[in-house]
Amino acid sequence: MVAVAVDLGGTHATCALVRDAEVLAKQTLTPGDAGKLAPLLPQLADAVRNLSCRLGISLGDCAGLVLGFCGIAGADSGRVLSTNGKYDDAPGIDLPAWCLKELGLPFRIENDARLALLGERGAGAARGYDDVVMITLGTGIGGAAMIGGKLLRGRHYQAGCLGGHLAIHPRGRRCTCGAIGCAESEASTWALPCLC
């Protein structure tokens, strides 16, 4: 069955129609204002419609839409719970209602690093393994873990987040989270140009 996948990072949004491990078509958008999600939603909906039209696939034939979000996402509630300077309006947006109204699709959300880990387990380097840890490097630094084939989420959706907001340099730069010397403020793509 075909599904819609959206990867929402700090500097891009990629929409794709996928079947199993195959990307049928994709489109990448550059958000005009990474501080807000609401202005990007119409562009995402248009991109999904364009992809389905180009492939001749009705959205009614899609299983749903999954959004990989660059922050803390409540997989059970379908809501963004917390952001870190990216898409700060997201916790106030009812994304499942938006998706149903605009596209007629059920909605799921997960942290982008966790979805990357699921992708590697399903079709990549972690295929066949049930106990996996992954660190993602990009605009931010993320992390995810799986034990016994199940993602670690925890009560507050922060279990297994082994990434960017661990202090690694006691006299480092101030991070967007407010702490000093986080891995993200020292080694993510937004921080690396500052090392010159």
N, C-alpha and C. Protein backbone atom coordinates (compact mmCIF):
# COMPACT_ATOMS: atom_id res chain seq x y z
N MET A 1 0.83 -1.18 0.00
CA MET A 1 0.00 0.00 0.00
C MET A 1 0.87 1.24 0.00
N VAL A 2 0.40 2.28 -0.63
CA VAL A 2 1.12 3.55 -0.72
C VAL A 2 0.84 4.38 0.53
N ALA A 3 1.86 5.08 0.99
CA ALA A 3 1.72 6.00 2.12
C ALA A 3 2.43 7.30 1.77
N VAL A 4 2.06 8.36 2.47
CA VAL A 4 2.70 9.66 2.31
C VAL A 4 3.67 9.83 3.48
N ALA A 5 4.90 10.19 3.16
CA ALA A 5 5.91 10.43 4.19
C ALA A 5 6.41 11.86 4.06
N VAL A 6 6.52 12.55 5.19
CA VAL A 6 7.04 13.92 5.20
C VAL A 6 8.16 13.97 6.23
N ASP A 7 9.33 14.40 5.79
CA ASP A 7 10.48 14.60 6.67
C ASP A 7 10.64 16.10 6.85
N LEU A 8 10.37 16.57 8.06
CA LEU A 8 10.43 18.00 8.35
C LEU A 8 11.67 18.28 9.19
N GLY A 9 12.71 18.75 8.53
CA GLY A 9 13.95 19.06 9.22
C GLY A 9 14.04 20.55 9.53
N GLY A 10 15.18 20.96 10.01
CA GLY A 10 15.36 22.36 10.36
C GLY A 10 15.47 23.29 9.15
N THR A 11 15.90 22.74 8.00
CA THR A 11 16.10 23.60 6.83
C THR A 11 15.37 23.11 5.59
N HIS A 12 14.62 22.04 5.71
CA HIS A 12 13.94 21.48 4.54
C HIS A 12 12.69 20.71 4.96
N ALA A 13 11.84 20.45 3.99
CA ALA A 13 10.71 19.53 4.17
C ALA A 13 10.64 18.69 2.90
N THR A 14 10.76 17.40 3.05
CA THR A 14 10.68 16.51 1.90
C THR A 14 9.42 15.68 2.00
N CYS A 15 8.60 15.74 0.96
CA CYS A 15 7.37 14.95 0.87
C CYS A 15 7.62 13.83 -0.11
N ALA A 16 7.11 12.63 0.20
CA ALA A 16 7.29 11.50 -0.69
C ALA A 16 6.08 10.59 -0.64
N LEU A 17 5.81 9.95 -1.75
CA LEU A 17 4.88 8.84 -1.78
C LEU A 17 5.72 7.58 -1.83
N VAL A 18 5.45 6.66 -0.91
CA VAL A 18 6.28 5.46 -0.78
C VAL A 18 5.41 4.21 -0.79
N ARG A 19 6.00 3.14 -1.25
CA ARG A 19 5.37 1.82 -1.17
C ARG A 19 6.44 0.87 -0.65
N ASP A 20 6.19 0.30 0.51
CA ASP A 20 7.19 -0.54 1.19
C ASP A 20 8.48 0.26 1.33
N ALA A 21 9.59 -0.21 0.77
CA ALA A 21 10.86 0.50 0.90
C ALA A 21 11.18 1.32 -0.34
N GLU A 22 10.22 1.49 -1.23
CA GLU A 22 10.45 2.19 -2.49
C GLU A 22 9.85 3.59 -2.46
N VAL A 23 10.67 4.59 -2.78
CA VAL A 23 10.19 5.96 -2.93
C VAL A 23 9.67 6.09 -4.36
N LEU A 24 8.38 6.32 -4.49
CA LEU A 24 7.77 6.43 -5.82
C LEU A 24 8.01 7.80 -6.44
N ALA A 25 7.93 8.84 -5.62
CA ALA A 25 8.17 10.21 -6.06
C ALA A 25 8.37 11.08 -4.83
N LYS A 26 9.16 12.15 -4.98
CA LYS A 26 9.38 13.04 -3.84
C LYS A 26 9.54 14.47 -4.32
N GLN A 27 9.32 15.38 -3.38
CA GLN A 27 9.50 16.81 -3.64
C GLN A 27 10.03 17.44 -2.37
N THR A 28 11.05 18.27 -2.52
CA THR A 28 11.64 18.95 -1.36
C THR A 28 11.27 20.42 -1.39
N LEU A 29 10.83 20.92 -0.23
CA LEU A 29 10.47 22.32 -0.07
C LEU A 29 11.48 22.99 0.86
N THR A 30 11.69 24.27 0.64
CA THR A 30 12.52 25.04 1.55
C THR A 30 11.62 26.00 2.30
N PRO A 31 11.41 25.74 3.59
CA PRO A 31 10.52 26.62 4.36
C PRO A 31 11.06 28.05 4.38
N GLY A 32 10.15 28.98 4.18
CA GLY A 32 10.54 30.38 4.21
C GLY A 32 10.87 30.86 5.60
N ASP A 33 10.19 30.29 6.60
CA ASP A 33 10.38 30.72 7.98
C ASP A 33 10.38 29.48 8.85
N ALA A 34 11.57 28.98 9.18
CA ALA A 34 11.68 27.76 9.98
C ALA A 34 11.17 27.97 11.40
N GLY A 35 10.80 29.20 11.73
CA GLY A 35 10.25 29.46 13.05
C GLY A 35 8.77 29.11 13.14
N LYS A 36 8.09 28.91 12.01
CA LYS A 36 6.64 28.67 12.02
C LYS A 36 6.27 27.50 11.11
N LEU A 37 5.38 26.66 11.59
CA LEU A 37 4.90 25.52 10.80
C LEU A 37 3.63 25.88 10.03
N ALA A 38 2.76 26.69 10.60
CA ALA A 38 1.47 26.98 9.96
C ALA A 38 1.61 27.47 8.52
N PRO A 39 2.54 28.40 8.20
CA PRO A 39 2.66 28.85 6.81
C PRO A 39 3.16 27.76 5.86
N LEU A 40 3.80 26.73 6.38
CA LEU A 40 4.33 25.65 5.55
C LEU A 40 3.28 24.60 5.23
N LEU A 41 2.25 24.47 6.06
CA LEU A 41 1.25 23.41 5.87
C LEU A 41 0.56 23.46 4.50
N PRO A 42 0.13 24.63 3.99
CA PRO A 42 -0.47 24.64 2.65
C PRO A 42 0.50 24.16 1.56
N GLN A 43 1.77 24.50 1.70
CA GLN A 43 2.77 24.03 0.74
C GLN A 43 2.93 22.51 0.80
N LEU A 44 2.92 21.97 2.02
CA LEU A 44 3.02 20.51 2.17
C LEU A 44 1.82 19.82 1.53
N ALA A 45 0.63 20.34 1.78
CA ALA A 45 -0.58 19.75 1.20
C ALA A 45 -0.53 19.81 -0.32
N ASP A 46 -0.09 20.95 -0.88
CA ASP A 46 0.02 21.08 -2.33
C ASP A 46 1.04 20.09 -2.90
N ALA A 47 2.16 19.93 -2.21
CA ALA A 47 3.19 19.00 -2.68
C ALA A 47 2.66 17.57 -2.70
N VAL A 48 1.93 17.18 -1.66
CA VAL A 48 1.36 15.84 -1.60
C VAL A 48 0.36 15.64 -2.74
N ARG A 49 -0.50 16.63 -2.96
CA ARG A 49 -1.47 16.53 -4.06
C ARG A 49 -0.77 16.43 -5.42
N ASN A 50 0.28 17.24 -5.62
CA ASN A 50 1.02 17.21 -6.88
C ASN A 50 1.67 15.86 -7.12
N LEU A 51 2.26 15.28 -6.07
CA LEU A 51 2.90 13.97 -6.21
C LEU A 51 1.88 12.90 -6.56
N SER A 52 0.73 12.92 -5.88
CA SER A 52 -0.29 11.90 -6.16
C SER A 52 -0.84 12.05 -7.57
N CYS A 53 -1.01 13.29 -8.02
CA CYS A 53 -1.50 13.55 -9.37
C CYS A 53 -0.48 13.08 -10.41
N ARG A 54 0.79 13.40 -10.16
CA ARG A 54 1.85 13.01 -11.09
C ARG A 54 1.93 11.49 -11.25
N LEU A 55 1.70 10.76 -10.15
CA LEU A 55 1.78 9.31 -10.19
C LEU A 55 0.45 8.66 -10.59
N GLY A 56 -0.61 9.46 -10.62
CA GLY A 56 -1.92 8.90 -10.92
C GLY A 56 -2.46 8.05 -9.79
N ILE A 57 -2.08 8.39 -8.57
CA ILE A 57 -2.53 7.67 -7.38
C ILE A 57 -3.49 8.56 -6.60
N SER A 58 -4.67 8.05 -6.33
CA SER A 58 -5.64 8.81 -5.55
C SER A 58 -5.20 8.83 -4.08
N LEU A 59 -5.34 9.99 -3.45
CA LEU A 59 -5.02 10.06 -2.02
C LEU A 59 -5.90 9.11 -1.22
N GLY A 60 -7.10 8.83 -1.71
CA GLY A 60 -7.99 7.88 -1.05
C GLY A 60 -7.43 6.47 -1.01
N ASP A 61 -6.47 6.19 -1.88
CA ASP A 61 -5.83 4.88 -1.90
C ASP A 61 -4.59 4.81 -1.02
N CYS A 62 -4.26 5.92 -0.36
CA CYS A 62 -3.09 5.96 0.52
C CYS A 62 -3.48 5.55 1.94
N ALA A 63 -2.57 4.88 2.61
CA ALA A 63 -2.82 4.41 3.98
C ALA A 63 -2.88 5.57 4.97
N GLY A 64 -2.13 6.63 4.71
CA GLY A 64 -2.09 7.76 5.62
C GLY A 64 -0.84 8.57 5.39
N LEU A 65 -0.63 9.55 6.27
CA LEU A 65 0.53 10.42 6.21
C LEU A 65 1.29 10.31 7.51
N VAL A 66 2.60 10.12 7.42
CA VAL A 66 3.46 10.13 8.61
C VAL A 66 4.42 11.30 8.49
N LEU A 67 4.56 12.04 9.58
CA LEU A 67 5.43 13.21 9.64
C LEU A 67 6.58 12.93 10.59
N GLY A 68 7.80 13.02 10.08
CA GLY A 68 8.99 12.96 10.92
C GLY A 68 9.31 14.37 11.35
N PHE A 69 9.22 14.65 12.65
CA PHE A 69 9.37 16.01 13.17
C PHE A 69 10.68 16.18 13.93
N CYS A 70 11.31 17.32 13.75
CA CYS A 70 12.59 17.63 14.37
C CYS A 70 12.41 18.20 15.78
N GLY A 71 11.74 17.45 16.62
CA GLY A 71 11.50 17.85 18.00
C GLY A 71 10.83 16.70 18.73
N ILE A 72 10.26 16.99 19.88
CA ILE A 72 9.60 15.95 20.66
C ILE A 72 8.17 15.82 20.19
N ALA A 73 7.83 14.62 19.72
CA ALA A 73 6.51 14.36 19.16
C ALA A 73 5.83 13.25 19.95
N GLY A 74 4.55 13.44 20.23
CA GLY A 74 3.75 12.43 20.92
C GLY A 74 3.13 11.49 19.91
N ALA A 75 3.73 10.34 19.73
CA ALA A 75 3.23 9.38 18.74
C ALA A 75 1.79 8.95 19.05
N ASP A 76 1.43 8.90 20.32
CA ASP A 76 0.08 8.47 20.69
C ASP A 76 -0.97 9.56 20.43
N SER A 77 -0.60 10.81 20.68
CA SER A 77 -1.55 11.91 20.54
C SER A 77 -1.55 12.53 19.15
N GLY A 78 -0.48 12.29 18.37
CA GLY A 78 -0.37 12.93 17.07
C GLY A 78 0.01 14.39 17.16
N ARG A 79 0.57 14.80 18.28
CA ARG A 79 0.88 16.22 18.51
C ARG A 79 2.39 16.43 18.67
N VAL A 80 2.82 17.64 18.30
CA VAL A 80 4.17 18.10 18.62
C VAL A 80 4.11 18.55 20.07
N LEU A 81 5.01 18.04 20.89
CA LEU A 81 5.01 18.36 22.31
C LEU A 81 5.99 19.48 22.66
N SER A 82 7.12 19.50 21.96
CA SER A 82 8.13 20.51 22.27
C SER A 82 9.04 20.71 21.07
N THR A 83 9.44 21.96 20.88
CA THR A 83 10.37 22.28 19.81
C THR A 83 11.57 22.97 20.42
N ASN A 84 12.56 23.21 19.61
CA ASN A 84 13.76 23.87 20.09
C ASN A 84 14.16 24.94 19.10
N GLY A 85 13.32 25.97 19.00
CA GLY A 85 13.62 27.07 18.11
C GLY A 85 13.25 26.82 16.66
N LYS A 86 12.66 25.66 16.37
CA LYS A 86 12.24 25.33 15.01
C LYS A 86 10.74 25.05 15.06
N TYR A 87 9.97 25.78 14.29
CA TYR A 87 8.53 25.57 14.20
C TYR A 87 7.87 25.68 15.59
N ASP A 88 8.12 26.81 16.25
CA ASP A 88 7.63 27.00 17.62
C ASP A 88 6.11 27.02 17.74
N ASP A 89 5.39 27.24 16.64
CA ASP A 89 3.93 27.23 16.70
C ASP A 89 3.35 25.81 16.62
N ALA A 90 4.19 24.82 16.34
CA ALA A 90 3.71 23.45 16.10
C ALA A 90 2.93 22.83 17.27
N PRO A 91 3.32 23.05 18.53
CA PRO A 91 2.53 22.44 19.61
C PRO A 91 1.07 22.90 19.65
N GLY A 92 0.78 24.07 19.10
CA GLY A 92 -0.59 24.57 19.09
C GLY A 92 -1.41 24.16 17.88
N ILE A 93 -0.84 23.38 16.98
CA ILE A 93 -1.53 22.99 15.75
C ILE A 93 -2.07 21.57 15.88
N ASP A 94 -3.33 21.39 15.57
CA ASP A 94 -3.95 20.06 15.56
C ASP A 94 -3.64 19.41 14.21
N LEU A 95 -2.50 18.75 14.13
CA LEU A 95 -2.04 18.17 12.87
C LEU A 95 -2.93 17.04 12.36
N PRO A 96 -3.45 16.15 13.23
CA PRO A 96 -4.36 15.13 12.72
C PRO A 96 -5.61 15.73 12.07
N ALA A 97 -6.16 16.81 12.66
CA ALA A 97 -7.34 17.46 12.08
C ALA A 97 -6.98 18.14 10.75
N TRP A 98 -5.80 18.79 10.70
CA TRP A 98 -5.35 19.42 9.45
C TRP A 98 -5.23 18.38 8.34
N CYS A 99 -4.60 17.26 8.64
CA CYS A 99 -4.36 16.23 7.63
C CYS A 99 -5.67 15.64 7.11
N LEU A 100 -6.60 15.41 8.02
CA LEU A 100 -7.89 14.85 7.62
C LEU A 100 -8.68 15.84 6.76
N LYS A 101 -8.65 17.12 7.17
CA LYS A 101 -9.39 18.14 6.42
C LYS A 101 -8.77 18.40 5.05
N GLU A 102 -7.46 18.56 4.99
CA GLU A 102 -6.79 18.94 3.74
C GLU A 102 -6.57 17.79 2.77
N LEU A 103 -6.29 16.60 3.32
CA LEU A 103 -5.90 15.49 2.46
C LEU A 103 -6.80 14.27 2.60
N GLY A 104 -7.66 14.27 3.64
CA GLY A 104 -8.53 13.13 3.86
C GLY A 104 -7.79 11.89 4.33
N LEU A 105 -6.64 12.10 5.00
CA LEU A 105 -5.80 10.97 5.40
C LEU A 105 -5.62 10.90 6.91
N PRO A 106 -5.51 9.68 7.44
CA PRO A 106 -5.10 9.54 8.84
C PRO A 106 -3.67 10.05 9.00
N PHE A 107 -3.34 10.50 10.21
CA PHE A 107 -2.06 11.15 10.47
C PHE A 107 -1.31 10.45 11.58
N ARG A 108 -0.01 10.32 11.41
CA ARG A 108 0.89 9.81 12.45
C ARG A 108 2.11 10.74 12.50
N ILE A 109 2.69 10.85 13.68
CA ILE A 109 3.88 11.68 13.86
C ILE A 109 4.88 10.93 14.71
N GLU A 110 6.16 11.18 14.44
CA GLU A 110 7.23 10.59 15.24
C GLU A 110 8.44 11.50 15.12
N ASN A 111 9.31 11.45 16.08
CA ASN A 111 10.57 12.17 16.02
C ASN A 111 11.35 11.70 14.80
N ASP A 112 11.99 12.63 14.10
CA ASP A 112 12.67 12.29 12.85
C ASP A 112 13.81 11.29 13.03
N ALA A 113 14.53 11.35 14.14
CA ALA A 113 15.62 10.38 14.37
C ALA A 113 15.05 8.98 14.57
N ARG A 114 13.92 8.88 15.26
CA ARG A 114 13.30 7.56 15.43
C ARG A 114 12.84 6.99 14.09
N LEU A 115 12.28 7.84 13.24
CA LEU A 115 11.87 7.36 11.92
C LEU A 115 13.08 6.96 11.08
N ALA A 116 14.19 7.69 11.22
CA ALA A 116 15.40 7.30 10.50
C ALA A 116 15.86 5.91 10.95
N LEU A 117 15.77 5.65 12.24
CA LEU A 117 16.15 4.34 12.77
C LEU A 117 15.21 3.25 12.21
N LEU A 118 13.91 3.53 12.19
CA LEU A 118 12.97 2.56 11.61
C LEU A 118 13.29 2.30 10.14
N GLY A 119 13.66 3.35 9.41
CA GLY A 119 14.03 3.19 8.01
C GLY A 119 15.27 2.32 7.84
N GLU A 120 16.26 2.53 8.67
CA GLU A 120 17.47 1.71 8.59
C GLU A 120 17.18 0.26 8.97
N ARG A 121 16.30 0.07 9.92
CA ARG A 121 15.96 -1.29 10.31
C ARG A 121 15.14 -1.99 9.22
N GLY A 122 14.27 -1.24 8.56
CA GLY A 122 13.43 -1.86 7.55
C GLY A 122 14.11 -2.06 6.22
N ALA A 123 15.03 -1.15 5.86
CA ALA A 123 15.59 -1.22 4.51
C ALA A 123 17.06 -0.83 4.43
N GLY A 124 17.73 -0.71 5.55
CA GLY A 124 19.11 -0.21 5.50
C GLY A 124 20.09 -1.03 6.32
N ALA A 125 21.03 -0.34 6.92
CA ALA A 125 22.15 -0.97 7.61
C ALA A 125 21.75 -1.76 8.84
N ALA A 126 20.59 -1.47 9.43
CA ALA A 126 20.17 -2.18 10.65
C ALA A 126 19.18 -3.31 10.37
N ARG A 127 18.99 -3.63 9.09
CA ARG A 127 18.04 -4.69 8.72
C ARG A 127 18.44 -6.00 9.40
N GLY A 128 17.46 -6.61 10.05
CA GLY A 128 17.70 -7.89 10.71
C GLY A 128 18.13 -7.77 12.17
N TYR A 129 18.30 -6.55 12.66
CA TYR A 129 18.73 -6.36 14.05
C TYR A 129 17.58 -5.81 14.88
N ASP A 130 17.46 -6.30 16.11
CA ASP A 130 16.40 -5.85 17.01
C ASP A 130 16.89 -4.86 18.07
N ASP A 131 18.20 -4.80 18.28
CA ASP A 131 18.79 -3.91 19.28
C ASP A 131 19.73 -2.96 18.56
N VAL A 132 19.30 -1.70 18.43
CA VAL A 132 20.03 -0.75 17.59
C VAL A 132 20.03 0.62 18.25
N VAL A 133 21.13 1.33 18.11
CA VAL A 133 21.24 2.74 18.51
C VAL A 133 21.67 3.52 17.28
N MET A 134 21.08 4.70 17.10
CA MET A 134 21.42 5.52 15.94
C MET A 134 21.59 6.97 16.36
N ILE A 135 22.61 7.61 15.82
CA ILE A 135 22.80 9.05 15.99
C ILE A 135 22.64 9.69 14.62
N THR A 136 21.86 10.76 14.54
CA THR A 136 21.67 11.46 13.27
C THR A 136 22.38 12.81 13.35
N LEU A 137 23.05 13.16 12.27
CA LEU A 137 23.77 14.42 12.20
C LEU A 137 23.19 15.25 11.08
N GLY A 138 22.81 16.48 11.38
CA GLY A 138 22.23 17.36 10.38
C GLY A 138 22.12 18.75 10.97
N THR A 139 21.01 19.42 10.69
CA THR A 139 20.78 20.74 11.28
C THR A 139 20.88 20.63 12.80
N GLY A 140 20.41 19.52 13.32
CA GLY A 140 20.56 19.20 14.73
C GLY A 140 21.29 17.89 14.86
N ILE A 141 21.42 17.42 16.09
CA ILE A 141 21.97 16.09 16.34
C ILE A 141 20.90 15.34 17.11
N GLY A 142 20.48 14.23 16.55
CA GLY A 142 19.41 13.45 17.17
C GLY A 142 19.90 12.06 17.50
N GLY A 143 19.07 11.35 18.20
CA GLY A 143 19.41 9.98 18.55
C GLY A 143 18.17 9.17 18.80
N ALA A 144 18.28 7.88 18.58
CA ALA A 144 17.16 6.98 18.80
C ALA A 144 17.72 5.61 19.17
N ALA A 145 16.92 4.84 19.87
CA ALA A 145 17.33 3.49 20.26
C ALA A 145 16.15 2.55 20.16
N MET A 146 16.48 1.30 19.88
CA MET A 146 15.49 0.24 19.77
C MET A 146 16.02 -0.95 20.56
N ILE A 147 15.16 -1.54 21.38
CA ILE A 147 15.52 -2.74 22.12
C ILE A 147 14.42 -3.77 21.88
N GLY A 148 14.83 -4.96 21.49
CA GLY A 148 13.86 -6.01 21.23
C GLY A 148 12.90 -5.67 20.10
N GLY A 149 13.36 -4.87 19.15
CA GLY A 149 12.52 -4.50 18.02
C GLY A 149 11.52 -3.41 18.30
N LYS A 150 11.58 -2.79 19.49
CA LYS A 150 10.65 -1.72 19.85
C LYS A 150 11.41 -0.43 20.11
N LEU A 151 10.90 0.65 19.52
CA LEU A 151 11.51 1.96 19.76
C LEU A 151 11.38 2.35 21.22
N LEU A 152 12.44 2.94 21.77
CA LEU A 152 12.36 3.51 23.11
C LEU A 152 11.77 4.90 22.99
N ARG A 153 10.71 5.14 23.74
CA ARG A 153 10.10 6.47 23.74
C ARG A 153 10.05 7.03 25.16
N GLY A 154 9.60 6.24 26.08
CA GLY A 154 9.47 6.69 27.46
C GLY A 154 8.22 7.51 27.68
N ARG A 155 7.94 7.77 28.94
CA ARG A 155 6.73 8.50 29.33
C ARG A 155 6.64 9.88 28.71
N HIS A 156 7.78 10.54 28.56
CA HIS A 156 7.81 11.90 28.03
C HIS A 156 8.42 11.96 26.63
N TYR A 157 8.48 10.82 25.95
CA TYR A 157 8.98 10.71 24.56
C TYR A 157 10.43 11.16 24.41
N GLN A 158 11.21 11.00 25.48
CA GLN A 158 12.61 11.39 25.39
C GLN A 158 13.58 10.24 25.62
N ALA A 159 13.06 9.04 25.86
CA ALA A 159 13.94 7.89 26.05
C ALA A 159 14.68 7.59 24.75
N GLY A 160 15.93 7.26 24.88
CA GLY A 160 16.73 6.93 23.71
C GLY A 160 17.23 8.14 22.94
N CYS A 161 16.91 9.35 23.40
CA CYS A 161 17.40 10.56 22.72
C CYS A 161 18.83 10.81 23.19
N LEU A 162 19.76 10.21 22.48
CA LEU A 162 21.16 10.25 22.87
C LEU A 162 21.93 11.31 22.11
N GLY A 163 21.23 12.30 21.64
CA GLY A 163 21.83 13.21 20.68
C GLY A 163 22.30 14.53 21.21
N GLY A 164 21.75 15.57 20.61
CA GLY A 164 22.33 16.89 20.65
C GLY A 164 22.35 17.64 21.94
N HIS A 165 21.53 17.29 22.89
CA HIS A 165 21.46 18.16 24.07
C HIS A 165 22.08 17.50 25.30
N LEU A 166 23.19 16.83 25.05
CA LEU A 166 24.07 16.36 26.11
C LEU A 166 25.28 17.28 26.10
N ALA A 167 25.65 17.79 27.27
CA ALA A 167 26.79 18.72 27.34
C ALA A 167 28.09 17.96 27.08
N ILE A 168 28.88 18.46 26.13
CA ILE A 168 30.16 17.83 25.82
C ILE A 168 31.34 18.78 25.99
N HIS A 169 31.03 20.08 26.16
CA HIS A 169 32.09 21.07 26.30
C HIS A 169 31.66 22.07 27.38
N PRO A 170 32.25 21.98 28.58
CA PRO A 170 31.78 22.82 29.69
C PRO A 170 31.92 24.32 29.47
N ARG A 171 32.81 24.74 28.58
CA ARG A 171 32.96 26.16 28.28
C ARG A 171 32.62 26.44 26.82
N GLY A 172 31.72 25.63 26.29
CA GLY A 172 31.35 25.76 24.88
C GLY A 172 30.36 26.88 24.63
N ARG A 173 29.82 26.87 23.42
CA ARG A 173 28.85 27.89 23.02
C ARG A 173 27.48 27.62 23.62
N ARG A 174 26.70 28.70 23.72
CA ARG A 174 25.32 28.56 24.17
C ARG A 174 24.51 27.89 23.06
N CYS A 175 23.73 26.90 23.44
CA CYS A 175 22.90 26.15 22.51
C CYS A 175 21.52 26.83 22.38
N THR A 176 20.80 26.47 21.35
CA THR A 176 19.44 27.00 21.19
C THR A 176 18.52 26.55 22.31
N CYS A 177 18.89 25.48 23.02
CA CYS A 177 18.07 25.02 24.15
C CYS A 177 18.35 25.82 25.41
N GLY A 178 19.39 26.66 25.39
CA GLY A 178 19.74 27.49 26.54
C GLY A 178 20.93 26.97 27.32
N ALA A 179 21.29 25.72 27.15
CA ALA A 179 22.43 25.15 27.88
C ALA A 179 23.74 25.56 27.19
N ILE A 180 24.83 25.26 27.87
CA ILE A 180 26.16 25.58 27.36
C ILE A 180 26.84 24.29 26.91
N GLY A 181 27.45 24.32 25.72
CA GLY A 181 28.30 23.22 25.27
C GLY A 181 27.61 21.94 24.88
N CYS A 182 26.34 22.01 24.46
CA CYS A 182 25.66 20.80 23.98
C CYS A 182 26.36 20.30 22.72
N ALA A 183 26.24 19.01 22.45
CA ALA A 183 26.81 18.45 21.21
C ALA A 183 26.29 19.22 20.00
N GLU A 184 25.00 19.57 20.02
CA GLU A 184 24.41 20.28 18.89
C GLU A 184 25.04 21.65 18.68
N SER A 185 25.34 22.36 19.75
CA SER A 185 25.93 23.70 19.60
C SER A 185 27.41 23.63 19.21
N GLU A 186 27.99 22.46 19.32
CA GLU A 186 29.40 22.30 18.99
C GLU A 186 29.62 21.61 17.64
N ALA A 187 28.69 20.76 17.18
CA ALA A 187 28.99 19.93 16.02
C ALA A 187 27.87 19.73 15.01
N SER A 188 26.71 20.38 15.17
CA SER A 188 25.66 20.23 14.16
C SER A 188 25.97 21.14 12.97
N THR A 189 25.20 21.00 11.89
CA THR A 189 25.52 21.80 10.71
C THR A 189 25.30 23.29 10.94
N TRP A 190 24.40 23.67 11.84
CA TRP A 190 24.22 25.10 12.11
C TRP A 190 25.40 25.64 12.92
N ALA A 191 26.09 24.78 13.67
CA ALA A 191 27.19 25.24 14.51
C ALA A 191 28.54 25.16 13.81
N LEU A 192 28.74 24.21 12.92
CA LEU A 192 30.05 24.01 12.32
C LEU A 192 30.60 25.24 11.59
N PRO A 193 29.81 25.99 10.82
CA PRO A 193 30.38 27.18 10.16
C PRO A 193 30.93 28.19 11.17
N CYS A 194 30.47 28.14 12.41
CA CYS A 194 30.95 29.09 13.42
C CYS A 194 32.37 28.78 13.87
N LEU A 195 32.90 27.62 13.52
CA LEU A 195 34.23 27.22 13.99
C LEU A 195 35.34 27.90 13.21
N CYS A 196 35.01 28.58 12.13
CA CYS A 196 36.05 29.22 11.30
C CYS A 196 36.73 30.36 12.02
